[in-house]
Amino acid sequence: MAVQKVRTRLSPLLRKNQLLDTAKQMIMEEGLQRFTMEALARAARVTSPLVYKYFASRERLLQVLLEREYAAFSEKLTKQLSETKDFAEVLRVFIVTNFDHHAPGNILPALLNEPDIAIVVEKDIKKGRRKSAFYLVENAAGSYELTKPQAELLVSMTSGVSIAAASYCNKSKIDRNHCIETALLYALAGLEKTSQMQK
C-alpha cells in the first residue's frame, strides 16, 4: 500500500521566506534579468496568485530580498568587528568583506545595481559607509599615529587595494586566502611606512 504524502501549509512567515530563498537561488543561478514571478511560482511549486499575495510585484519582491540580505550582511559585519582585538584584525574583516562582496554568487551586487530596487537600502548604505569609514580612520590614526587626513587617505587607498585584489583574484582564479593575506600585508606595510615617514 502506497503511503500518501500529507501536504502541510506553511505559516505566512515561512512561506514568505521560502519564496525569498527560492528567488535568491534562481537569481544566483540564472541572473536577475531572467527572473520572473511566474518562474518563481513554478520553482517554489505554488501558484502565481500566491506569490502575488505575498509580493505585489517583482520589484517589491526584489526590494524585500535586498532588505533581508543587506540586514544579514550588516549584522555579520558588526559581529565580526566586535570580535577584533587590533587594527590588523579590523582591516582583515573589511578586506574579507570586500572579497565576499565581489565574489561570484553574491546576490547583493546584482540587486544593488538596480536603482529601483536599491532605493530601499540607500540610507542604510550611506550610514554604514560613514560608520565604517569613521571606524577605520579612527583606528588607523590611533594605531599608526597619523593625522585624520592622513588616515582618511590611507583608508581610502586601502579600500581600493582590497577591491582591486578581490576583482583580480576572481578573474585569475588565484587562491582566495593568498589574495586576502597579500592585500592585508600590502595595506599594513603602507600604513607602517607612512607612519614612519611622519615621525
C-alpha atoms as a PDB file:
ATOM      1  CA  MET A   1       0.000   0.000   0.000  1.00  0.00           C
ATOM      2  CA  ALA A   2       1.419   3.383  -1.042  1.00  0.00           C
ATOM      3  CA  VAL A   3       1.905   5.988   1.649  1.00  0.00           C
ATOM      4  CA  GLN A   4       0.291   9.290   0.803  1.00  0.00           C
ATOM      5  CA  LYS A   5       2.299  12.420   1.458  1.00  0.00           C
ATOM      6  CA  VAL A   6       0.448  14.886   3.614  1.00  0.00           C
ATOM      7  CA  ARG A   7       0.761  18.450   2.379  1.00  0.00           C
ATOM      8  CA  THR A   8       1.281  20.937   5.127  1.00  0.00           C
ATOM      9  CA  ARG A   9       0.632  24.613   4.872  1.00  0.00           C
ATOM     10  CA  LEU A  10       3.483  26.888   5.731  1.00  0.00           C
ATOM     11  CA  SER A  11       2.917  29.794   8.074  1.00  0.00           C
ATOM     12  CA  PRO A  12       2.909  33.176   6.312  1.00  0.00           C
ATOM     13  CA  LEU A  13       6.426  33.945   7.581  1.00  0.00           C
ATOM     14  CA  LEU A  14       7.813  30.577   6.475  1.00  0.00           C
ATOM     15  CA  ARG A  15       6.101  30.873   3.082  1.00  0.00           C
ATOM     16  CA  LYS A  16       7.464  34.377   2.567  1.00  0.00           C
ATOM     17  CA  ASN A  17      10.987  33.220   3.426  1.00  0.00           C
ATOM     18  CA  GLN A  18      10.608  30.163   1.203  1.00  0.00           C
ATOM     19  CA  LEU A  19       9.703  32.414  -1.723  1.00  0.00           C
ATOM     20  CA  LEU A  20      12.625  34.739  -0.976  1.00  0.00           C
ATOM     21  CA  ASP A  21      15.053  31.819  -0.649  1.00  0.00           C
ATOM     22  CA  THR A  22      13.831  30.354  -3.933  1.00  0.00           C
ATOM     23  CA  ALA A  23      14.103  33.746  -5.669  1.00  0.00           C
ATOM     24  CA  LYS A  24      17.646  34.198  -4.356  1.00  0.00           C
ATOM     25  CA  GLN A  25      18.700  30.773  -5.635  1.00  0.00           C
ATOM     26  CA  MET A  26      17.129  31.399  -9.041  1.00  0.00           C
ATOM     27  CA  ILE A  27      18.842  34.783  -9.420  1.00  0.00           C
ATOM     28  CA  MET A  28      22.214  33.369  -8.401  1.00  0.00           C
ATOM     29  CA  GLU A  29      21.879  30.539 -10.928  1.00  0.00           C
ATOM     30  CA  GLU A  30      20.175  32.297 -13.846  1.00  0.00           C
ATOM     31  CA  GLY A  31      20.725  36.018 -13.317  1.00  0.00           C
ATOM     32  CA  LEU A  32      18.418  38.837 -12.358  1.00  0.00           C
ATOM     33  CA  GLN A  33      17.221  39.628 -15.880  1.00  0.00           C
ATOM     34  CA  ARG A  34      15.723  36.155 -16.380  1.00  0.00           C
ATOM     35  CA  PHE A  35      13.884  36.174 -13.067  1.00  0.00           C
ATOM     36  CA  THR A  36      10.078  36.377 -13.270  1.00  0.00           C
ATOM     37  CA  MET A  37       7.289  35.925 -10.756  1.00  0.00           C
ATOM     38  CA  GLU A  38       5.816  33.113 -12.835  1.00  0.00           C
ATOM     39  CA  ALA A  39       9.144  31.259 -12.887  1.00  0.00           C
ATOM     40  CA  LEU A  40       9.342  31.738  -9.127  1.00  0.00           C
ATOM     41  CA  ALA A  41       5.895  30.219  -8.684  1.00  0.00           C
ATOM     42  CA  ARG A  42       6.936  27.170 -10.723  1.00  0.00           C
ATOM     43  CA  ALA A  43      10.235  26.773  -8.853  1.00  0.00           C
ATOM     44  CA  ALA A  44       8.540  27.141  -5.452  1.00  0.00           C
ATOM     45  CA  ARG A  45       5.702  24.796  -6.543  1.00  0.00           C
ATOM     46  CA  VAL A  46       2.987  27.305  -5.751  1.00  0.00           C
ATOM     47  CA  THR A  47       0.525  29.261  -7.852  1.00  0.00           C
ATOM     48  CA  SER A  48       1.292  32.688  -9.281  1.00  0.00           C
ATOM     49  CA  PRO A  49      -1.592  34.273  -7.315  1.00  0.00           C
ATOM     50  CA  LEU A  50       0.019  33.005  -4.098  1.00  0.00           C
ATOM     51  CA  VAL A  51       3.314  34.695  -4.994  1.00  0.00           C
ATOM     52  CA  TYR A  52       1.440  37.944  -5.673  1.00  0.00           C
ATOM     53  CA  LYS A  53      -0.376  37.577  -2.365  1.00  0.00           C
ATOM     54  CA  TYR A  54       2.976  37.996  -0.601  1.00  0.00           C
ATOM     55  CA  PHE A  55       4.616  40.415  -3.031  1.00  0.00           C
ATOM     56  CA  ALA A  56       2.606  42.886  -5.088  1.00  0.00           C
ATOM     57  CA  SER A  57       5.207  42.994  -7.872  1.00  0.00           C
ATOM     58  CA  ARG A  58       8.555  41.661  -8.999  1.00  0.00           C
ATOM     59  CA  GLU A  59      10.156  44.928  -7.942  1.00  0.00           C
ATOM     60  CA  ARG A  60       8.707  44.714  -4.442  1.00  0.00           C
ATOM     61  CA  LEU A  61       9.848  41.107  -4.024  1.00  0.00           C
ATOM     62  CA  LEU A  62      13.384  42.083  -5.048  1.00  0.00           C
ATOM     63  CA  GLN A  63      13.325  45.052  -2.665  1.00  0.00           C
ATOM     64  CA  VAL A  64      12.303  42.814   0.237  1.00  0.00           C
ATOM     65  CA  LEU A  65      15.006  40.322  -0.735  1.00  0.00           C
ATOM     66  CA  LEU A  66      17.596  43.113  -0.791  1.00  0.00           C
ATOM     67  CA  GLU A  67      16.452  44.414   2.607  1.00  0.00           C
ATOM     68  CA  ARG A  68      16.805  40.940   4.079  1.00  0.00           C
ATOM     69  CA  GLU A  69      20.201  40.236   2.527  1.00  0.00           C
ATOM     70  CA  TYR A  70      21.609  43.662   3.420  1.00  0.00           C
ATOM     71  CA  ALA A  71      20.434  43.304   7.038  1.00  0.00           C
ATOM     72  CA  ALA A  72      22.179  39.908   7.271  1.00  0.00           C
ATOM     73  CA  PHE A  73      25.347  41.392   5.760  1.00  0.00           C
ATOM     74  CA  SER A  74      25.322  44.312   8.223  1.00  0.00           C
ATOM     75  CA  GLU A  75      24.684  42.052  11.197  1.00  0.00           C
ATOM     76  CA  LYS A  76      27.545  39.744  10.219  1.00  0.00           C
ATOM     77  CA  LEU A  77      29.946  42.670   9.766  1.00  0.00           C
ATOM     78  CA  THR A  78      29.030  44.180  13.139  1.00  0.00           C
ATOM     79  CA  LYS A  79      29.531  40.829  14.884  1.00  0.00           C
ATOM     80  CA  GLN A  80      32.912  40.256  13.242  1.00  0.00           C
ATOM     81  CA  LEU A  81      34.133  43.739  14.162  1.00  0.00           C
ATOM     82  CA  SER A  82      33.043  43.267  17.774  1.00  0.00           C
ATOM     83  CA  GLU A  83      35.391  40.265  17.984  1.00  0.00           C
ATOM     84  CA  THR A  84      38.528  42.061  16.736  1.00  0.00           C
ATOM     85  CA  LYS A  85      41.446  42.787  19.049  1.00  0.00           C
ATOM     86  CA  ASP A  86      43.659  45.099  16.976  1.00  0.00           C
ATOM     87  CA  PHE A  87      43.745  47.179  13.814  1.00  0.00           C
ATOM     88  CA  ALA A  88      45.150  44.341  11.693  1.00  0.00           C
ATOM     89  CA  GLU A  89      42.096  42.227  12.560  1.00  0.00           C
ATOM     90  CA  VAL A  90      39.769  45.166  11.835  1.00  0.00           C
ATOM     91  CA  LEU A  91      41.416  45.642   8.461  1.00  0.00           C
ATOM     92  CA  ARG A  92      41.201  41.917   7.711  1.00  0.00           C
ATOM     93  CA  VAL A  93      37.424  41.981   8.373  1.00  0.00           C
ATOM     94  CA  PHE A  94      36.949  44.809   5.870  1.00  0.00           C
ATOM     95  CA  ILE A  95      39.197  43.197   3.258  1.00  0.00           C
ATOM     96  CA  VAL A  96      37.368  39.868   3.564  1.00  0.00           C
ATOM     97  CA  THR A  97      34.071  41.770   3.311  1.00  0.00           C
ATOM     98  CA  ASN A  98      35.237  43.322   0.030  1.00  0.00           C
ATOM     99  CA  PHE A  99      36.264  39.877  -1.239  1.00  0.00           C
ATOM    100  CA  ASP A 100      32.872  38.430  -0.230  1.00  0.00           C
ATOM    101  CA  HIS A 101      31.020  41.310  -1.864  1.00  0.00           C
ATOM    102  CA  HIS A 102      32.833  40.842  -5.172  1.00  0.00           C
ATOM    103  CA  ALA A 103      32.752  37.033  -5.125  1.00  0.00           C
ATOM    104  CA  PRO A 104      30.722  35.163  -7.734  1.00  0.00           C
ATOM    105  CA  GLY A 105      27.350  34.116  -6.374  1.00  0.00           C
ATOM    106  CA  ASN A 106      26.879  37.089  -4.060  1.00  0.00           C
ATOM    107  CA  ILE A 107      23.415  38.443  -4.694  1.00  0.00           C
ATOM    108  CA  LEU A 108      23.934  41.886  -3.129  1.00  0.00           C
ATOM    109  CA  PRO A 109      25.838  43.451  -6.062  1.00  0.00           C
ATOM    110  CA  ALA A 110      23.199  42.295  -8.555  1.00  0.00           C
ATOM    111  CA  LEU A 111      20.378  43.800  -6.513  1.00  0.00           C
ATOM    112  CA  LEU A 112      22.282  46.981  -5.646  1.00  0.00           C
ATOM    113  CA  ASN A 113      22.972  47.641  -9.340  1.00  0.00           C
ATOM    114  CA  GLU A 114      19.249  48.146  -9.939  1.00  0.00           C
ATOM    115  CA  PRO A 115      18.329  51.714  -8.809  1.00  0.00           C
ATOM    116  CA  ASP A 116      14.606  50.944  -8.382  1.00  0.00           C
ATOM    117  CA  ILE A 117      15.483  48.066  -6.077  1.00  0.00           C
ATOM    118  CA  ALA A 118      18.477  49.604  -4.284  1.00  0.00           C
ATOM    119  CA  ILE A 119      16.490  52.648  -3.202  1.00  0.00           C
ATOM    120  CA  VAL A 120      15.100  50.731  -0.197  1.00  0.00           C
ATOM    121  CA  VAL A 121      18.555  50.426   1.420  1.00  0.00           C
ATOM    122  CA  GLU A 122      20.108  53.655   0.129  1.00  0.00           C
ATOM    123  CA  LYS A 123      20.038  55.417   3.515  1.00  0.00           C
ATOM    124  CA  ASP A 124      21.331  52.330   5.334  1.00  0.00           C
ATOM    125  CA  ILE A 125      24.228  52.003   2.887  1.00  0.00           C
ATOM    126  CA  LYS A 126      25.239  55.649   3.275  1.00  0.00           C
ATOM    127  CA  LYS A 127      25.021  55.371   7.049  1.00  0.00           C
ATOM    128  CA  GLY A 128      27.010  52.110   7.018  1.00  0.00           C
ATOM    129  CA  ARG A 129      29.727  53.573   4.802  1.00  0.00           C
ATOM    130  CA  ARG A 130      30.085  56.644   7.024  1.00  0.00           C
ATOM    131  CA  LYS A 131      30.225  54.464  10.129  1.00  0.00           C
ATOM    132  CA  SER A 132      32.771  52.072   8.580  1.00  0.00           C
ATOM    133  CA  ALA A 133      34.954  54.909   7.289  1.00  0.00           C
ATOM    134  CA  PHE A 134      34.896  56.642  10.678  1.00  0.00           C
ATOM    135  CA  TYR A 135      35.740  53.377  12.436  1.00  0.00           C
ATOM    136  CA  LEU A 136      38.657  52.620  10.109  1.00  0.00           C
ATOM    137  CA  VAL A 137      40.016  56.177  10.139  1.00  0.00           C
ATOM    138  CA  GLU A 138      39.894  56.413  13.939  1.00  0.00           C
ATOM    139  CA  ASN A 139      41.600  53.027  14.319  1.00  0.00           C
ATOM    140  CA  ALA A 140      44.261  53.790  11.699  1.00  0.00           C
ATOM    141  CA  ALA A 141      45.006  57.219  13.166  1.00  0.00           C
ATOM    142  CA  GLY A 142      45.298  55.814  16.684  1.00  0.00           C
ATOM    143  CA  SER A 143      47.279  52.719  15.755  1.00  0.00           C
ATOM    144  CA  TYR A 144      49.800  54.484  13.500  1.00  0.00           C
ATOM    145  CA  GLU A 145      49.923  57.994  14.979  1.00  0.00           C
ATOM    146  CA  LEU A 146      48.519  59.565  11.827  1.00  0.00           C
ATOM    147  CA  THR A 147      46.567  62.775  11.418  1.00  0.00           C
ATOM    148  CA  LYS A 148      42.933  62.379  10.417  1.00  0.00           C
ATOM    149  CA  PRO A 149      43.577  63.498   6.790  1.00  0.00           C
ATOM    150  CA  GLN A 150      46.488  61.049   6.504  1.00  0.00           C
ATOM    151  CA  ALA A 151      44.369  58.230   7.908  1.00  0.00           C
ATOM    152  CA  GLU A 152      41.455  59.104   5.588  1.00  0.00           C
ATOM    153  CA  LEU A 153      43.745  58.992   2.537  1.00  0.00           C
ATOM    154  CA  LEU A 154      45.308  55.685   3.545  1.00  0.00           C
ATOM    155  CA  VAL A 155      41.967  54.078   4.418  1.00  0.00           C
ATOM    156  CA  SER A 156      40.576  55.158   1.030  1.00  0.00           C
ATOM    157  CA  MET A 157      43.629  53.731  -0.740  1.00  0.00           C
ATOM    158  CA  THR A 158      43.417  50.506   1.273  1.00  0.00           C
ATOM    159  CA  SER A 159      39.783  50.069   0.288  1.00  0.00           C
ATOM    160  CA  GLY A 160      40.755  50.468  -3.357  1.00  0.00           C
ATOM    161  CA  VAL A 161      43.539  47.921  -2.960  1.00  0.00           C
ATOM    162  CA  SER A 162      41.243  45.291  -1.451  1.00  0.00           C
ATOM    163  CA  ILE A 163      38.566  45.821  -4.126  1.00  0.00           C
ATOM    164  CA  ALA A 164      41.189  45.558  -6.895  1.00  0.00           C
ATOM    165  CA  ALA A 165      42.676  42.456  -5.272  1.00  0.00           C
ATOM    166  CA  ALA A 166      39.234  40.840  -4.993  1.00  0.00           C
ATOM    167  CA  SER A 167      38.485  41.561  -8.649  1.00  0.00           C
ATOM    168  CA  TYR A 168      41.859  40.246  -9.784  1.00  0.00           C
ATOM    169  CA  CYS A 169      41.561  37.139  -7.620  1.00  0.00           C
ATOM    170  CA  ASN A 170      38.139  36.294  -9.091  1.00  0.00           C
ATOM    171  CA  LYS A 171      39.352  36.692 -12.674  1.00  0.00           C
ATOM    172  CA  SER A 172      42.643  34.853 -12.291  1.00  0.00           C
ATOM    173  CA  LYS A 173      41.433  32.044 -10.017  1.00  0.00           C
ATOM    174  CA  ILE A 174      44.326  32.597  -7.600  1.00  0.00           C
ATOM    175  CA  ASP A 175      43.802  31.149  -4.117  1.00  0.00           C
ATOM    176  CA  ARG A 176      41.407  33.466  -2.276  1.00  0.00           C
ATOM    177  CA  ASN A 177      43.176  33.219   1.103  1.00  0.00           C
ATOM    178  CA  HIS A 178      46.512  34.040  -0.519  1.00  0.00           C
ATOM    179  CA  CYS A 179      44.969  37.123  -2.155  1.00  0.00           C
ATOM    180  CA  ILE A 180      43.432  38.264   1.134  1.00  0.00           C
ATOM    181  CA  GLU A 181      46.707  37.848   3.018  1.00  0.00           C
ATOM    182  CA  THR A 182      48.631  39.668   0.282  1.00  0.00           C
ATOM    183  CA  ALA A 183      46.163  42.585   0.296  1.00  0.00           C
ATOM    184  CA  LEU A 184      46.357  42.760   4.094  1.00  0.00           C
ATOM    185  CA  LEU A 185      50.173  42.735   4.141  1.00  0.00           C
ATOM    186  CA  TYR A 186      50.278  45.382   1.419  1.00  0.00           C
ATOM    187  CA  ALA A 187      47.885  47.649   3.319  1.00  0.00           C
ATOM    188  CA  LEU A 188      49.634  47.197   6.668  1.00  0.00           C
ATOM    189  CA  ALA A 189      53.054  47.835   5.117  1.00  0.00           C
ATOM    190  CA  GLY A 190      51.764  51.050   3.545  1.00  0.00           C
ATOM    191  CA  LEU A 191      50.338  52.232   6.860  1.00  0.00           C
ATOM    192  CA  GLU A 192      53.561  51.363   8.711  1.00  0.00           C
ATOM    193  CA  LYS A 193      55.793  53.090   6.163  1.00  0.00           C
ATOM    194  CA  THR A 194      53.639  56.212   6.108  1.00  0.00           C
ATOM    195  CA  SER A 195      53.655  56.327   9.894  1.00  0.00           C
ATOM    196  CA  GLN A 196      57.469  56.101   9.956  1.00  0.00           C
ATOM    197  CA  MET A 197      57.796  58.883   7.395  1.00  0.00           C
ATOM    198  CA  GLN A 198      55.689  61.226   9.546  1.00  0.00           C
ATOM    199  CA  LYS A 199      57.981  60.890  12.561  1.00  0.00           C
END
